[in-house]
């Protein structure tokens, strides 16, 4: 029994217990039917990992690497489809990890700056995948849309085991490197003076990012990875007072986006991945606008109160 199946068996009774109290005609089935329970559990695990990882990506100015690696995995997906007998997930993971290492090396050695390396890897791998499918794929297109938009409503036991296991390992490694990641993000030179292996930390972080992105592509698709990897973390930065609080807030906004997205997609019969991405963007917009209004009103209210007192 894998970790995902074990976890599913433990939380299934609780999910069934709260189902009668949930709104909607279709949404409660996500808490009662086994296949939909796996979907929710997979989304929750990915959201937790993405919230932590996304917070680190933002402070390290690496927001676009998730989107870049997500598109790189298309090369692996194309190869697996052309070769037929090769599993998609391992091949996509291989492409993602290799791309993450190359991007890190190109940036770390000063060969390319900023997002240039990401852009080159993204377009190169995407083009390779398209050419491979056109030349040797014999018109295969069935898995292409699944790659682009995700397959959120179909998570089997094997996929759930993979997501939960990799997610737990990623969280453990991020927790173990927490202080080093912060130090290298704030001042890499000072971190190197303190004896922190800056290069090893950066390379390991890039590999973790690549593997987590592959999990996210499987669920919400390559086009929507940024929705869960960056949007909740960016929203959290608007309300968080410290980095730790930003991580916690990113969990809140991520879970809110997933639950509302799945609810609306179930009731309105739309794509779940796209709806989750839309809700995440709207949550960010609402928080930013609300914060701006509060910032604008605060001095006015203070001035009015002072005048009233006088």
Foldseek 3Di string as FASTA:
>chain_A
DFPLVVVLVVCLVVLLVCLVVDDDDFLSVLNHDSLSVLLLLLLLLLLLLLLLLLLLCVLLVNLCLLLLLLLLLLLQQLVCLLVVVDDSLVSSLVSSLVLLLVLLVCDVVVVDHDCPSSVCSNVVSNVNSVVSCVPRVVPDDPCVVCQAFADSSGADPVLSSVSNVLSVVLVVVCVVCVVVSVVCSVPVVVSVVVVRPNSVVSSVSSSSSSSSSSNVSNNGHSNQSSLSNHLLLLLLVLPDPDSVSSSVSSSVLSSVLLSVLVNCCRRVVDRSSVSSSVSSVVSSVVSVVVSVVCVVCVVVVVVVVVVVVD
